[in-house]
C-alpha atoms as a PDB file:
ATOM      1  CA  MET A   1      52.484 116.152 -49.317  1.00  0.00           C
ATOM      2  CA  LEU A   2      51.236 119.358 -50.827  1.00  0.00           C
ATOM      3  CA  HIS A   3      47.457 119.466 -52.105  1.00  0.00           C
ATOM      4  CA  ILE A   4      45.880 121.346 -54.670  1.00  0.00           C
ATOM      5  CA  HIS A   5      42.619 122.776 -54.744  1.00  0.00           C
ATOM      6  CA  CYS A   6      40.833 125.237 -57.634  1.00  0.00           C
ATOM      7  CA  GLY A   7      38.474 126.884 -54.598  1.00  0.00           C
ATOM      8  CA  ASP A   8      39.652 128.561 -51.892  1.00  0.00           C
ATOM      9  CA  SER A   9      36.053 126.890 -49.909  1.00  0.00           C
ATOM     10  CA  SER A  10      37.379 123.335 -50.136  1.00  0.00           C
ATOM     11  CA  ALA A  11      41.084 124.641 -50.051  1.00  0.00           C
ATOM     12  CA  GLY A  12      40.092 126.242 -45.930  1.00  0.00           C
ATOM     13  CA  THR A  13      38.120 123.008 -45.302  1.00  0.00           C
ATOM     14  CA  LEU A  14      40.583 120.637 -45.898  1.00  0.00           C
ATOM     15  CA  ARG A  15      43.042 122.589 -43.966  1.00  0.00           C
ATOM     16  CA  GLN A  16      40.307 121.886 -41.290  1.00  0.00           C
ATOM     17  CA  SER A  17      40.535 118.198 -41.573  1.00  0.00           C
ATOM     18  CA  ASP A  18      42.924 115.653 -39.895  1.00  0.00           C
ATOM     19  CA  VAL A  19      44.454 114.666 -44.004  1.00  0.00           C
ATOM     20  CA  PRO A  20      47.825 115.937 -43.281  1.00  0.00           C
ATOM     21  CA  GLY A  21      49.758 118.194 -45.645  1.00  0.00           C
ATOM     22  CA  GLU A  22      50.223 121.453 -47.844  1.00  0.00           C
ATOM     23  CA  VAL A  23      46.941 123.213 -49.047  1.00  0.00           C
ATOM     24  CA  ILE A  24      47.200 125.259 -52.130  1.00  0.00           C
ATOM     25  CA  VAL A  25      44.836 127.386 -54.804  1.00  0.00           C
ATOM     26  CA  TRP A  26      45.360 127.515 -57.851  1.00  0.00           C
ATOM     27  CA  CYS A  27      43.044 130.997 -58.394  1.00  0.00           C
ATOM     28  CA  ASP A  28      43.073 132.010 -61.842  1.00  0.00           C
ATOM     29  CA  PRO A  29      40.412 130.832 -63.399  1.00  0.00           C
ATOM     30  CA  VAL A  30      41.102 130.142 -67.126  1.00  0.00           C
ATOM     31  CA  VAL A  31      37.617 129.252 -67.986  1.00  0.00           C
ATOM     32  CA  GLN A  32      37.587 132.928 -68.435  1.00  0.00           C
ATOM     33  CA  GLY A  33      39.287 135.232 -70.291  1.00  0.00           C
ATOM     34  CA  PRO A  34      42.042 134.884 -72.877  1.00  0.00           C
ATOM     35  CA  THR A  35      43.849 132.171 -72.769  1.00  0.00           C
ATOM     36  CA  PRO A  36      46.461 132.334 -75.874  1.00  0.00           C
ATOM     37  CA  ALA A  37      49.147 129.853 -77.381  1.00  0.00           C
ATOM     38  CA  GLY A  38      52.663 130.720 -77.013  1.00  0.00           C
ATOM     39  CA  LEU A  39      53.262 132.476 -74.038  1.00  0.00           C
ATOM     40  CA  SER A  40      54.257 131.705 -70.621  1.00  0.00           C
ATOM     41  CA  GLY A  41      56.122 133.481 -67.185  1.00  0.00           C
ATOM     42  CA  GLU A  42      55.605 136.511 -67.271  1.00  0.00           C
ATOM     43  CA  ALA A  43      53.582 137.607 -69.897  1.00  0.00           C
ATOM     44  CA  TRP A  44      51.559 134.812 -68.879  1.00  0.00           C
ATOM     45  CA  HIS A  45      50.985 136.616 -66.028  1.00  0.00           C
ATOM     46  CA  ARG A  46      50.822 139.434 -67.456  1.00  0.00           C
ATOM     47  CA  ARG A  47      47.684 138.994 -69.941  1.00  0.00           C
ATOM     48  CA  ARG A  48      45.989 137.021 -67.065  1.00  0.00           C
ATOM     49  CA  ALA A  49      46.278 139.794 -64.817  1.00  0.00           C
ATOM     50  CA  GLU A  50      45.524 142.151 -67.774  1.00  0.00           C
ATOM     51  CA  TYR A  51      41.843 140.565 -68.015  1.00  0.00           C
ATOM     52  CA  LEU A  52      41.199 139.566 -64.287  1.00  0.00           C
ATOM     53  CA  ALA A  53      41.347 143.336 -63.636  1.00  0.00           C
ATOM     54  CA  THR A  54      38.720 143.999 -65.809  1.00  0.00           C
ATOM     55  CA  THR A  55      36.760 141.688 -63.651  1.00  0.00           C
ATOM     56  CA  ALA A  56      37.468 143.427 -59.812  1.00  0.00           C
ATOM     57  CA  ALA A  57      37.267 146.321 -58.312  1.00  0.00           C
ATOM     58  CA  ARG A  58      39.957 146.888 -56.082  1.00  0.00           C
ATOM     59  CA  LEU A  59      42.368 144.620 -57.378  1.00  0.00           C
ATOM     60  CA  THR A  60      45.294 146.366 -59.805  1.00  0.00           C
ATOM     61  CA  ALA A  61      46.499 143.921 -62.659  1.00  0.00           C
ATOM     62  CA  ALA A  62      49.752 144.317 -60.681  1.00  0.00           C
ATOM     63  CA  ASP A  63      48.179 142.563 -57.650  1.00  0.00           C
ATOM     64  CA  LEU A  64      46.710 140.198 -60.136  1.00  0.00           C
ATOM     65  CA  ALA A  65      50.277 139.202 -61.496  1.00  0.00           C
ATOM     66  CA  ARG A  66      51.911 138.820 -58.082  1.00  0.00           C
ATOM     67  CA  ARG A  67      49.208 136.937 -57.479  1.00  0.00           C
ATOM     68  CA  LEU A  68      49.617 134.433 -60.435  1.00  0.00           C
ATOM     69  CA  GLN A  69      52.809 134.565 -59.682  1.00  0.00           C
ATOM     70  CA  ALA A  70      53.184 133.285 -56.030  1.00  0.00           C
ATOM     71  CA  GLU A  71      50.133 129.985 -57.371  1.00  0.00           C
ATOM     72  CA  ASP A  72      52.773 128.944 -60.097  1.00  0.00           C
ATOM     73  CA  ASP A  73      55.790 129.367 -57.564  1.00  0.00           C
ATOM     74  CA  ALA A  74      53.590 126.866 -55.165  1.00  0.00           C
ATOM     75  CA  LEU A  75      53.503 124.528 -57.608  1.00  0.00           C
ATOM     76  CA  ALA A  76      57.320 125.091 -59.021  1.00  0.00           C
ATOM     77  CA  ARG A  77      57.617 123.164 -55.319  1.00  0.00           C
ATOM     78  CA  ALA A  78      55.818 120.057 -56.086  1.00  0.00           C
ATOM     79  CA  PRO A  79      59.259 118.192 -55.906  1.00  0.00           C
ATOM     80  CA  GLU A  80      59.785 119.538 -52.851  1.00  0.00           C
ATOM     81  CA  HIS A  81      56.884 116.803 -51.722  1.00  0.00           C
ATOM     82  CA  ASP A  82      56.528 113.155 -51.533  1.00  0.00           C
ATOM     83  CA  GLU A  83      53.034 113.510 -52.867  1.00  0.00           C
ATOM     84  CA  VAL A  84      50.975 116.235 -55.193  1.00  0.00           C
ATOM     85  CA  VAL A  85      46.829 115.704 -54.833  1.00  0.00           C
ATOM     86  CA  LEU A  86      45.005 117.212 -57.265  1.00  0.00           C
ATOM     87  CA  TRP A  87      41.433 117.753 -56.207  1.00  0.00           C
ATOM     88  CA  PHE A  88      38.863 118.187 -58.040  1.00  0.00           C
ATOM     89  CA  ASP A  89      35.183 117.765 -59.463  1.00  0.00           C
ATOM     90  CA  ALA A  90      33.429 117.219 -62.704  1.00  0.00           C
ATOM     91  CA  CYS A  91      32.653 120.524 -63.742  1.00  0.00           C
ATOM     92  CA  LEU A  92      33.557 123.173 -66.561  1.00  0.00           C
ATOM     93  CA  PHE A  93      35.514 125.618 -64.381  1.00  0.00           C
ATOM     94  CA  ASP A  94      37.605 122.477 -62.507  1.00  0.00           C
ATOM     95  CA  GLN A  95      38.436 120.620 -65.327  1.00  0.00           C
ATOM     96  CA  SER A  96      39.747 123.712 -66.906  1.00  0.00           C
ATOM     97  CA  ILE A  97      42.530 124.177 -64.293  1.00  0.00           C
ATOM     98  CA  LEU A  98      43.185 120.326 -64.186  1.00  0.00           C
ATOM     99  CA  ILE A  99      44.137 120.232 -67.954  1.00  0.00           C
ATOM    100  CA  CYS A 100      46.108 123.368 -67.140  1.00  0.00           C
ATOM    101  CA  VAL A 101      47.417 122.035 -63.758  1.00  0.00           C
ATOM    102  CA  LEU A 102      48.635 118.822 -65.147  1.00  0.00           C
ATOM    103  CA  ASP A 103      49.792 120.328 -68.390  1.00  0.00           C
ATOM    104  CA  ARG A 104      52.248 122.564 -65.405  1.00  0.00           C
ATOM    105  CA  LEU A 105      53.352 119.722 -63.410  1.00  0.00           C
ATOM    106  CA  SER A 106      54.124 117.754 -66.247  1.00  0.00           C
ATOM    107  CA  ARG A 107      56.947 119.845 -67.841  1.00  0.00           C
ATOM    108  CA  LEU A 108      58.752 119.882 -64.043  1.00  0.00           C
ATOM    109  CA  ALA A 109      61.550 117.815 -62.408  1.00  0.00           C
ATOM    110  CA  LEU A 110      59.409 115.939 -60.225  1.00  0.00           C
ATOM    111  CA  GLY A 111      61.688 113.113 -59.761  1.00  0.00           C
ATOM    112  CA  GLU A 112      60.369 110.701 -56.455  1.00  0.00           C
ATOM    113  CA  THR A 113      56.974 112.721 -56.286  1.00  0.00           C
ATOM    114  CA  ARG A 114      54.224 110.917 -56.574  1.00  0.00           C
ATOM    115  CA  LEU A 115      51.282 112.711 -58.661  1.00  0.00           C
ATOM    116  CA  SER A 116      47.682 111.603 -57.084  1.00  0.00           C
ATOM    117  CA  LEU A 117      43.952 112.882 -58.357  1.00  0.00           C
ATOM    118  CA  ILE A 118      40.964 112.567 -56.679  1.00  0.00           C
ATOM    119  CA  CYS A 119      37.676 114.242 -58.977  1.00  0.00           C
ATOM    120  CA  ILE A 120      34.430 113.691 -58.404  1.00  0.00           C
ATOM    121  CA  GLY A 121      30.954 114.145 -60.207  1.00  0.00           C
ATOM    122  CA  ASP A 122      29.274 112.957 -57.396  1.00  0.00           C
ATOM    123  CA  PHE A 123      28.634 112.322 -53.167  1.00  0.00           C
ATOM    124  CA  PRO A 124      26.366 109.870 -51.287  1.00  0.00           C
ATOM    125  CA  GLY A 125      23.370 112.330 -50.135  1.00  0.00           C
ATOM    126  CA  PHE A 126      23.301 114.949 -52.226  1.00  0.00           C
ATOM    127  CA  ALA A 127      20.187 114.505 -54.777  1.00  0.00           C
ATOM    128  CA  ARG A 128      22.759 117.233 -57.056  1.00  0.00           C
ATOM    129  CA  PHE A 129      25.998 117.289 -56.036  1.00  0.00           C
ATOM    130  CA  ARG A 130      27.608 121.373 -56.567  1.00  0.00           C
ATOM    131  CA  GLY A 131      31.281 120.672 -55.923  1.00  0.00           C
ATOM    132  CA  LEU A 132      34.082 120.075 -53.406  1.00  0.00           C
ATOM    133  CA  GLY A 133      33.170 123.189 -51.688  1.00  0.00           C
ATOM    134  CA  GLU A 134      29.661 121.650 -50.347  1.00  0.00           C
ATOM    135  CA  LEU A 135      31.730 119.644 -48.384  1.00  0.00           C
ATOM    136  CA  HIS A 136      32.247 119.702 -44.887  1.00  0.00           C
ATOM    137  CA  ALA A 137      35.319 118.632 -43.357  1.00  0.00           C
ATOM    138  CA  GLU A 138      34.962 114.876 -42.625  1.00  0.00           C
ATOM    139  CA  GLN A 139      33.194 114.355 -46.267  1.00  0.00           C
ATOM    140  CA  LEU A 140      36.428 115.781 -48.122  1.00  0.00           C
ATOM    141  CA  ALA A 141      38.336 113.143 -45.911  1.00  0.00           C
ATOM    142  CA  SER A 142      36.312 110.191 -46.918  1.00  0.00           C
ATOM    143  CA  LEU A 143      38.146 110.906 -50.064  1.00  0.00           C
ATOM    144  CA  PHE A 144      41.585 110.838 -49.467  1.00  0.00           C
ATOM    145  CA  PRO A 145      42.249 107.479 -49.497  1.00  0.00           C
ATOM    146  CA  THR A 146      40.286 107.032 -52.688  1.00  0.00           C
ATOM    147  CA  ARG A 147      43.270 109.304 -54.348  1.00  0.00           C
ATOM    148  CA  ARG A 148      44.420 107.276 -57.465  1.00  0.00           C
ATOM    149  CA  PRO A 149      48.083 107.499 -59.190  1.00  0.00           C
ATOM    150  CA  VAL A 150      47.636 109.993 -62.176  1.00  0.00           C
ATOM    151  CA  THR A 151      48.686 107.589 -64.823  1.00  0.00           C
ATOM    152  CA  PRO A 152      50.675 109.063 -68.048  1.00  0.00           C
ATOM    153  CA  GLU A 153      48.421 108.344 -69.987  1.00  0.00           C
ATOM    154  CA  GLN A 154      46.256 110.762 -68.569  1.00  0.00           C
ATOM    155  CA  ILE A 155      48.796 113.212 -68.563  1.00  0.00           C
ATOM    156  CA  ALA A 156      49.168 112.906 -72.021  1.00  0.00           C
ATOM    157  CA  LEU A 157      45.309 113.571 -72.329  1.00  0.00           C
ATOM    158  CA  ALA A 158      45.559 116.624 -69.812  1.00  0.00           C
ATOM    159  CA  ARG A 159      48.141 118.321 -72.376  1.00  0.00           C
ATOM    160  CA  ARG A 160      46.736 117.082 -75.529  1.00  0.00           C
ATOM    161  CA  ALA A 161      43.329 119.100 -73.578  1.00  0.00           C
ATOM    162  CA  TRP A 162      45.174 122.380 -72.827  1.00  0.00           C
ATOM    163  CA  GLU A 163      46.686 122.378 -76.141  1.00  0.00           C
ATOM    164  CA  ALA A 164      43.436 122.596 -77.576  1.00  0.00           C
ATOM    165  CA  TRP A 165      41.902 124.415 -75.207  1.00  0.00           C
ATOM    166  CA  VAL A 166      45.081 128.190 -75.390  1.00  0.00           C
ATOM    167  CA  ALA A 167      45.241 126.975 -79.423  1.00  0.00           C
ATOM    168  CA  PRO A 168      43.912 129.753 -81.759  1.00  0.00           C
ATOM    169  CA  ASP A 169      41.598 127.637 -83.597  1.00  0.00           C
ATOM    170  CA  PRO A 170      39.047 125.587 -81.980  1.00  0.00           C
ATOM    171  CA  THR A 171      38.898 122.557 -84.485  1.00  0.00           C
ATOM    172  CA  ASP A 172      41.485 120.498 -82.740  1.00  0.00           C
ATOM    173  CA  LEU A 173      39.270 121.121 -79.417  1.00  0.00           C
ATOM    174  CA  ALA A 174      35.886 119.803 -81.145  1.00  0.00           C
ATOM    175  CA  ALA A 175      37.589 117.146 -82.261  1.00  0.00           C
ATOM    176  CA  LEU A 176      38.969 116.321 -78.541  1.00  0.00           C
ATOM    177  CA  ALA A 177      34.983 116.947 -76.676  1.00  0.00           C
ATOM    178  CA  ARG A 178      33.733 113.854 -79.358  1.00  0.00           C
ATOM    179  CA  ALA A 179      37.075 111.845 -79.180  1.00  0.00           C
ATOM    180  CA  GLU A 180      37.360 109.628 -76.508  1.00  0.00           C
ATOM    181  CA  THR A 181      38.536 110.465 -72.667  1.00  0.00           C
ATOM    182  CA  ALA A 182      37.230 107.965 -70.659  1.00  0.00           C
ATOM    183  CA  LEU A 183      41.377 108.179 -69.378  1.00  0.00           C
ATOM    184  CA  LEU A 184      40.161 111.897 -67.593  1.00  0.00           C
ATOM    185  CA  PRO A 185      36.040 110.714 -66.479  1.00  0.00           C
ATOM    186  CA  TYR A 186      34.412 113.893 -66.905  1.00  0.00           C
ATOM    187  CA  LEU A 187      36.854 115.778 -69.449  1.00  0.00           C
ATOM    188  CA  GLY A 188      34.462 115.238 -72.592  1.00  0.00           C
ATOM    189  CA  GLU A 189      31.743 116.825 -71.120  1.00  0.00           C
ATOM    190  CA  ALA A 190      33.190 118.986 -69.604  1.00  0.00           C
ATOM    191  CA  LEU A 191      34.928 120.125 -73.201  1.00  0.00           C
ATOM    192  CA  ALA A 192      30.829 119.792 -74.913  1.00  0.00           C
ATOM    193  CA  ARG A 193      29.775 122.586 -72.480  1.00  0.00           C
ATOM    194  CA  ARG A 194      33.123 125.000 -73.241  1.00  0.00           C
ATOM    195  CA  LEU A 195      31.319 124.725 -77.236  1.00  0.00           C
ATOM    196  CA  GLU A 196      28.668 125.828 -76.095  1.00  0.00           C
ATOM    197  CA  GLN A 197      30.399 129.073 -75.075  1.00  0.00           C
ATOM    198  CA  PHE A 198      30.950 130.048 -78.099  1.00  0.00           C
ATOM    199  CA  PRO A 199      27.905 132.546 -79.714  1.00  0.00           C
ATOM    200  CA  SER A 200      25.254 130.725 -81.397  1.00  0.00           C
ATOM    201  CA  THR A 201      24.593 130.886 -84.601  1.00  0.00           C
ATOM    202  CA  THR A 202      20.680 130.978 -83.326  1.00  0.00           C
ATOM    203  CA  ASN A 203      20.918 135.035 -82.216  1.00  0.00           C
ATOM    204  CA  GLY A 204      24.313 135.101 -81.048  1.00  0.00           C
ATOM    205  CA  LEU A 205      24.374 134.469 -77.415  1.00  0.00           C
ATOM    206  CA  ASP A 206      26.373 132.238 -75.881  1.00  0.00           C
ATOM    207  CA  ARG A 207      24.588 129.603 -73.857  1.00  0.00           C
ATOM    208  CA  LEU A 208      25.182 131.534 -70.459  1.00  0.00           C
ATOM    209  CA  GLU A 209      23.700 134.394 -72.531  1.00  0.00           C
ATOM    210  CA  GLN A 210      20.863 132.498 -72.942  1.00  0.00           C
ATOM    211  CA  GLU A 211      20.405 130.892 -69.985  1.00  0.00           C
ATOM    212  CA  ALA A 212      20.876 134.621 -68.032  1.00  0.00           C
ATOM    213  CA  LEU A 213      17.760 136.179 -70.327  1.00  0.00           C
ATOM    214  CA  GLU A 214      15.598 133.654 -70.689  1.00  0.00           C
ATOM    215  CA  ALA A 215      15.588 134.160 -66.653  1.00  0.00           C
ATOM    216  CA  ILE A 216      15.321 137.653 -66.484  1.00  0.00           C
ATOM    217  CA  ALA A 217      12.539 136.725 -69.158  1.00  0.00           C
ATOM    218  CA  GLU A 218      10.985 134.991 -66.724  1.00  0.00           C
ATOM    219  CA  GLY A 219      10.850 137.243 -64.153  1.00  0.00           C
ATOM    220  CA  HIS A 220      14.005 136.717 -62.373  1.00  0.00           C
ATOM    221  CA  ASP A 221      15.072 140.132 -62.637  1.00  0.00           C
ATOM    222  CA  ARG A 222      16.832 140.210 -58.701  1.00  0.00           C
ATOM    223  CA  PRO A 223      19.990 139.100 -58.641  1.00  0.00           C
ATOM    224  CA  PHE A 224      19.995 136.047 -56.254  1.00  0.00           C
ATOM    225  CA  SER A 225      16.850 134.840 -58.043  1.00  0.00           C
ATOM    226  CA  LEU A 226      18.203 135.384 -61.546  1.00  0.00           C
ATOM    227  CA  PHE A 227      21.438 133.193 -59.793  1.00  0.00           C
ATOM    228  CA  ARG A 228      20.265 130.700 -58.889  1.00  0.00           C
ATOM    229  CA  ALA A 229      17.845 129.676 -62.023  1.00  0.00           C
ATOM    230  CA  VAL A 230      20.948 130.554 -64.333  1.00  0.00           C
ATOM    231  CA  ASP A 231      22.299 127.651 -61.791  1.00  0.00           C
ATOM    232  CA  GLU A 232      19.038 125.621 -62.153  1.00  0.00           C
ATOM    233  CA  ARG A 233      19.673 125.268 -66.069  1.00  0.00           C
ATOM    234  CA  GLU A 234      23.213 123.637 -65.843  1.00  0.00           C
ATOM    235  CA  ALA A 235      23.751 119.867 -65.241  1.00  0.00           C
ATOM    236  CA  ARG A 236      27.165 120.546 -63.515  1.00  0.00           C
ATOM    237  CA  PRO A 237      26.996 124.490 -62.753  1.00  0.00           C
ATOM    238  CA  PHE A 238      30.662 125.879 -62.836  1.00  0.00           C
ATOM    239  CA  ILE A 239      30.052 129.728 -62.197  1.00  0.00           C
ATOM    240  CA  GLY A 240      29.966 131.622 -59.493  1.00  0.00           C
ATOM    241  CA  ASP A 241      27.639 134.846 -59.140  1.00  0.00           C
ATOM    242  CA  THR A 242      30.234 138.105 -59.857  1.00  0.00           C
ATOM    243  CA  MET A 243      30.923 135.965 -62.835  1.00  0.00           C
ATOM    244  CA  LEU A 244      27.592 136.129 -64.058  1.00  0.00           C
ATOM    245  CA  TRP A 245      26.932 139.758 -63.229  1.00  0.00           C
ATOM    246  CA  CYS A 246      30.680 140.718 -65.197  1.00  0.00           C
ATOM    247  CA  LEU A 247      28.925 138.939 -68.109  1.00  0.00           C
ATOM    248  CA  LEU A 248      25.669 141.008 -67.800  1.00  0.00           C
ATOM    249  CA  GLU A 249      27.098 144.208 -67.263  1.00  0.00           C
ATOM    250  CA  GLU A 250      28.828 142.784 -70.735  1.00  0.00           C
ATOM    251  CA  LEU A 251      25.623 142.812 -72.531  1.00  0.00           C
ATOM    252  CA  ALA A 252      23.964 146.400 -70.709  1.00  0.00           C
ATOM    253  CA  SER A 253      26.892 148.519 -71.455  1.00  0.00           C
ATOM    254  CA  ALA A 254      27.243 147.585 -75.410  1.00  0.00           C
ATOM    255  CA  GLU A 255      26.052 149.403 -78.362  1.00  0.00           C
ATOM    256  CA  THR A 256      22.841 148.452 -78.261  1.00  0.00           C
ATOM    257  CA  PRO A 257      21.932 147.171 -74.250  1.00  0.00           C
ATOM    258  CA  LEU A 258      20.176 144.091 -74.329  1.00  0.00           C
ATOM    259  CA  VAL A 259      19.691 144.575 -70.612  1.00  0.00           C
ATOM    260  CA  THR A 260      19.400 147.350 -67.900  1.00  0.00           C
ATOM    261  CA  PHE A 261      20.233 147.301 -64.158  1.00  0.00           C
ATOM    262  CA  ASP A 262      18.423 149.251 -61.478  1.00  0.00           C
ATOM    263  CA  GLY A 263      20.297 150.249 -58.501  1.00  0.00           C
ATOM    264  CA  PRO A 264      22.571 151.759 -56.977  1.00  0.00           C
ATOM    265  CA  GLY A 265      26.208 150.961 -58.901  1.00  0.00           C
ATOM    266  CA  PRO A 266      27.679 148.090 -60.544  1.00  0.00           C
ATOM    267  CA  LEU A 267      27.010 145.345 -59.495  1.00  0.00           C
ATOM    268  CA  PRO A 268      29.513 143.291 -56.533  1.00  0.00           C
ATOM    269  CA  ARG A 269      33.062 142.437 -58.147  1.00  0.00           C
ATOM    270  CA  PHE A 270      35.016 139.043 -56.810  1.00  0.00           C
ATOM    271  CA  ASP A 271      37.398 141.121 -54.362  1.00  0.00           C
ATOM    272  CA  ASP A 272      34.364 143.357 -53.050  1.00  0.00           C
ATOM    273  CA  PRO A 273      33.041 142.712 -49.484  1.00  0.00           C
ATOM    274  CA  PRO A 274      29.802 141.221 -49.252  1.00  0.00           C
ATOM    275  CA  THR A 275      26.757 142.877 -49.018  1.00  0.00           C
ATOM    276  CA  SER A 276      23.003 143.097 -50.066  1.00  0.00           C
ATOM    277  CA  LEU A 277      21.794 142.548 -53.687  1.00  0.00           C
ATOM    278  CA  GLU A 278      18.398 143.407 -52.693  1.00  0.00           C
ATOM    279  CA  GLN A 279      18.727 146.904 -54.691  1.00  0.00           C
ATOM    280  CA  TRP A 280      19.455 145.855 -57.986  1.00  0.00           C
ATOM    281  CA  ARG A 281      16.512 144.960 -60.441  1.00  0.00           C
ATOM    282  CA  LEU A 282      17.313 143.578 -64.328  1.00  0.00           C
ATOM    283  CA  SER A 283      15.243 143.871 -66.907  1.00  0.00           C
ATOM    284  CA  LEU A 284      15.516 143.308 -70.345  1.00  0.00           C
ATOM    285  CA  THR A 285      15.997 146.089 -72.993  1.00  0.00           C
ATOM    286  CA  PRO A 286      13.368 145.852 -76.354  1.00  0.00           C
ATOM    287  CA  ALA A 287      16.692 145.080 -78.680  1.00  0.00           C
ATOM    288  CA  GLY A 288      17.564 142.102 -75.565  1.00  0.00           C
ATOM    289  CA  ARG A 289      13.819 140.518 -76.209  1.00  0.00           C
ATOM    290  CA  ALA A 290      14.133 140.210 -79.809  1.00  0.00           C
ATOM    291  CA  VAL A 291      17.724 138.460 -79.693  1.00  0.00           C
ATOM    292  CA  LEU A 292      16.115 136.351 -77.217  1.00  0.00           C
ATOM    293  CA  ALA A 293      12.833 135.628 -79.776  1.00  0.00           C
ATOM    294  CA  GLY A 294      15.855 134.994 -82.510  1.00  0.00           C
ATOM    295  CA  ARG A 295      14.378 137.791 -84.323  1.00  0.00           C
ATOM    296  CA  GLU A 296      17.729 139.673 -84.011  1.00  0.00           C
ATOM    297  CA  ASP A 297      21.070 138.846 -84.100  1.00  0.00           C
ATOM    298  CA  ARG A 298      23.592 139.935 -80.825  1.00  0.00           C
ATOM    299  CA  ILE A 299      26.439 139.873 -82.853  1.00  0.00           C
ATOM    300  CA  ARG A 300      25.397 141.922 -85.688  1.00  0.00           C
ATOM    301  CA  LEU A 301      23.948 144.166 -82.713  1.00  0.00           C
ATOM    302  CA  ASN A 302      27.073 145.224 -80.891  1.00  0.00           C
ATOM    303  CA  GLY A 303      29.701 142.998 -82.579  1.00  0.00           C
ATOM    304  CA  ILE A 304      32.082 141.146 -80.204  1.00  0.00           C
ATOM    305  CA  ASP A 305      35.364 141.138 -78.959  1.00  0.00           C
ATOM    306  CA  ARG A 306      36.146 138.158 -76.237  1.00  0.00           C
ATOM    307  CA  TRP A 307      38.484 135.356 -76.170  1.00  0.00           C
ATOM    308  CA  VAL A 308      37.138 132.137 -75.379  1.00  0.00           C
ATOM    309  CA  GLY A 309      40.008 130.114 -74.704  1.00  0.00           C
ATOM    310  CA  GLY A 310      42.945 130.662 -76.839  1.00  0.00           C
ATOM    311  CA  VAL A 311      40.036 131.500 -79.602  1.00  0.00           C
ATOM    312  CA  HIS A 312      39.747 135.824 -80.188  1.00  0.00           C
ATOM    313  CA  LEU A 313      36.655 136.558 -81.641  1.00  0.00           C
ATOM    314  CA  ALA A 314      35.800 140.159 -82.885  1.00  0.00           C
ATOM    315  CA  GLY A 315      34.034 142.110 -85.303  1.00  0.00           C
ATOM    316  CA  ARG A 316      30.995 141.430 -86.896  1.00  0.00           C
ATOM    317  CA  GLY A 317      31.821 139.610 -89.892  1.00  0.00           C
ATOM    318  CA  PRO A 318      32.102 135.037 -89.761  1.00  0.00           C
ATOM    319  CA  ILE A 319      33.410 134.135 -86.533  1.00  0.00           C
ATOM    320  CA  TRP A 320      33.209 131.056 -85.100  1.00  0.00           C
ATOM    321  CA  ARG A 321      29.793 130.026 -83.682  1.00  0.00           C
ATOM    322  CA  TRP A 322      27.933 127.305 -81.877  1.00  0.00           C
ATOM    323  CA  HIS A 323      25.185 125.572 -84.618  1.00  0.00           C
ATOM    324  CA  PRO A 324      22.762 123.615 -81.243  1.00  0.00           C
ATOM    325  CA  ARG A 325      20.804 122.180 -83.564  1.00  0.00           C
ATOM    326  CA  GLU A 326      23.417 120.322 -86.011  1.00  0.00           C
ATOM    327  CA  GLN A 327      26.108 120.759 -82.542  1.00  0.00           C
ATOM    328  CA  LYS A 328      28.798 121.925 -83.888  1.00  0.00           C
ATOM    329  CA  LEU A 329      31.339 124.446 -84.357  1.00  0.00           C
ATOM    330  CA  VAL A 330      31.125 126.437 -87.691  1.00  0.00           C
ATOM    331  CA  LEU A 331      32.641 129.626 -89.226  1.00  0.00           C
ATOM    332  CA  ALA A 332      29.712 131.985 -89.537  1.00  0.00           C
END
């Protein structure tokens, strides 16, 4: 039996439980960075590794490409098991990996191997459930009997969603976010949240950037306090702290900075050893306050060079943006 997790925390906890089987972690956070259509194998690993290396302190693109290859190799061994159990929760981070992994598994010759899914959005005793990583071994083990067979219809939906995710035009992704996706009960909600990661028509900030700047303006000038404030603004939190630090560093290093850091150096990256965050302070620049107030536009000031899945947003001209009031994507 093979168990697939998308977090080291929950995977490590499951290994401590009495649930039998091998446990692997899918470590590629496809919610971040470029996931362009038409790439596979070595070309995919190289493109993803190049991006992930920009978010690392020590690991090189070659190191990360080897990790991604090992991840794929582990998945390719799925047919050697009688059952593959997918463990996921409802947030955007997990749902994006779920559709990616189901797409990959659907392309393997699985033979008699059964696919099962555990996917939850809450858990007894948690007023605000943040994910499988919060559960201890006994709680995780209690979910094992609730697993359900993955159906052909679920696989077809996941493949359709992944195709939309990597497409260079987000039209199909937006349509799928409005469509009936109850076969994968948290997918529609996650895709709707994904659309809010496009720059807004209001000021050029995506939702996470907006939440971060709002929190700094409210006085959350220390990294840990800021992360907690942003986390609380999300119905289903999906980012880790180092993901937020990378976002803020992009705003701080822009041609017209929106944020400034006061500290001993860059904030920690995902491969840095644990360190105290009390040494850093964050503040908004005058431009940051103007953008937050809607008097300026982040794209007009600084342009953009960012991938949202398969969509490359570049320059200062018309790009895909999220219209908060009309709740739709527009080319503006």
